[in-house]
Protein backbone atom coordinates (compact mmCIF):
# COMPACT_ATOMS: atom_id res chain seq x y z
CA MET A 1 -112.39 37.78 -37.86
CA THR A 2 -113.49 34.96 -39.87
CA SER A 3 -117.06 33.73 -39.92
CA LEU A 4 -117.51 29.93 -39.70
CA GLY A 5 -119.26 30.18 -43.06
CA SER A 6 -116.14 31.39 -44.83
CA LEU A 7 -113.86 28.64 -43.46
CA GLN A 8 -112.23 26.64 -46.36
CA PRO A 9 -112.07 22.76 -46.11
CA LEU A 10 -108.81 21.18 -45.25
CA PRO A 11 -107.11 19.48 -48.25
CA PRO A 12 -107.24 15.77 -48.47
CA LEU A 13 -104.77 13.91 -46.33
CA LYS A 14 -102.51 12.18 -48.80
CA ASN A 15 -100.22 10.29 -46.51
CA LEU A 16 -101.19 9.52 -42.91
CA LYS A 17 -97.72 7.74 -42.52
CA GLN A 18 -95.77 10.58 -43.63
CA LEU A 19 -97.75 13.13 -41.14
CA THR A 20 -97.16 10.65 -38.13
CA GLU A 21 -93.64 9.12 -38.77
CA ASN A 22 -91.90 11.55 -36.71
CA PHE A 23 -94.06 11.02 -33.56
CA ASP A 24 -92.32 8.82 -31.06
CA TYR A 25 -95.57 7.43 -29.48
CA GLU A 26 -93.46 5.31 -27.05
CA THR A 27 -91.68 8.45 -25.41
CA ILE A 28 -95.22 10.37 -25.43
CA LEU A 29 -96.78 7.69 -23.61
CA ARG A 30 -94.11 6.91 -21.26
CA ASN A 31 -94.01 10.82 -20.10
CA TRP A 32 -97.75 11.21 -20.12
CA ASP A 33 -99.17 13.01 -17.13
CA ALA A 34 -102.81 12.40 -17.05
CA THR A 35 -103.19 14.74 -14.13
CA LYS A 36 -101.27 17.62 -15.92
CA GLU A 37 -103.36 16.95 -19.25
CA GLN A 38 -106.55 17.11 -17.27
CA GLN A 39 -105.29 20.54 -15.67
CA LYS A 40 -104.56 21.74 -19.18
CA ALA A 41 -108.07 20.94 -20.41
CA ASP A 42 -109.62 22.22 -17.33
CA PHE A 43 -107.84 25.68 -17.76
CA MET A 44 -108.93 25.78 -21.38
CA GLU A 45 -112.50 25.30 -20.31
CA HIS A 46 -112.13 27.99 -17.75
CA LEU A 47 -110.87 30.20 -20.48
CA TYR A 48 -113.63 29.39 -22.55
CA GLN A 49 -116.05 30.25 -19.82
CA CYS A 50 -114.34 33.63 -19.11
CA TYR A 51 -113.99 35.03 -22.59
CA ARG A 52 -117.31 33.33 -23.93
CA PRO A 53 -115.84 33.55 -27.69
CA ALA A 54 -118.44 34.74 -30.08
CA ASN A 55 -117.18 31.85 -32.77
CA CYS A 56 -117.91 29.18 -29.91
CA CYS A 57 -114.51 27.87 -30.57
CA TYR A 58 -111.46 27.22 -28.38
CA THR A 59 -109.13 28.41 -30.92
CA GLY A 60 -107.11 31.46 -29.95
CA LEU A 61 -108.22 31.44 -26.34
CA TRP A 62 -104.69 30.62 -25.10
CA GLU A 63 -103.12 33.29 -27.32
CA ARG A 64 -105.71 35.76 -26.00
CA PHE A 65 -104.98 34.91 -22.51
CA LEU A 66 -101.19 35.16 -23.05
CA HIS A 67 -101.65 38.71 -24.78
CA GLU A 68 -104.08 40.07 -22.20
CA GLU A 69 -103.26 38.45 -18.94
CA ALA A 70 -100.25 36.52 -18.74
CA GLY A 71 -97.97 38.67 -20.89
CA PRO A 72 -98.52 41.96 -19.15
CA PHE A 73 -98.33 39.85 -15.65
CA GLY A 74 -95.04 38.15 -16.74
CA ARG A 75 -93.40 41.51 -17.96
CA ASP A 76 -94.43 43.02 -14.65
CA ILE A 77 -92.78 40.14 -12.69
CA TYR A 78 -89.64 40.35 -14.90
CA PHE A 79 -89.15 44.00 -13.94
CA GLN A 80 -89.83 43.47 -10.47
CA ARG A 81 -87.33 40.65 -10.26
CA LEU A 82 -84.59 42.66 -11.91
CA GLN A 83 -85.21 45.21 -9.24
CA ALA A 84 -84.85 42.82 -6.53
CA VAL A 85 -81.54 41.51 -7.94
CA ARG A 86 -80.38 45.18 -8.24
CA GLU A 87 -81.32 45.60 -4.53
CA PHE A 88 -79.69 42.48 -3.42
CA GLU A 89 -76.35 43.27 -5.18
CA ILE A 90 -76.28 46.83 -3.66
CA ALA A 91 -76.74 45.32 -0.23
CA LYS A 92 -74.24 42.59 -0.71
CA LEU A 93 -71.65 45.26 -1.77
CA GLU A 94 -72.64 47.35 1.11
CA TYR A 95 -71.95 44.34 3.42
CA VAL A 96 -68.71 43.27 1.96
CA LYS A 97 -67.69 47.06 2.20
CA SER A 98 -68.47 47.15 5.95
CA LYS A 99 -66.83 43.92 6.61
CA ALA A 100 -63.76 45.25 4.83
CA GLU A 101 -63.62 48.39 6.88
CA GLU A 102 -64.05 46.32 10.07
CA ALA A 103 -61.14 44.16 9.04
CA LEU A 104 -58.95 47.47 8.41
CA THR A 105 -59.79 48.86 11.91
């Protein structure tokens, strides 16, 4: 873990235009959703309050949340969905088989 005292200063910004020339600000602003952006900020504040980072920074909170909470939850849901699809396919095959048997009798 890096302490705040050992952080290196950022190199000087040589060319702001070069850094920002690929940004399409009109598209960004046209698609801006203030409610969604506020929700993201609120959630980051929630993560900060939950994790209480020792370095007092927001950096890494999202990654920590993904690794410790969302990742395992998402993985579990993935396998639950796979099982549900398998069960649906089995039930569909049984239904088609029963209909075929009815048609033959």
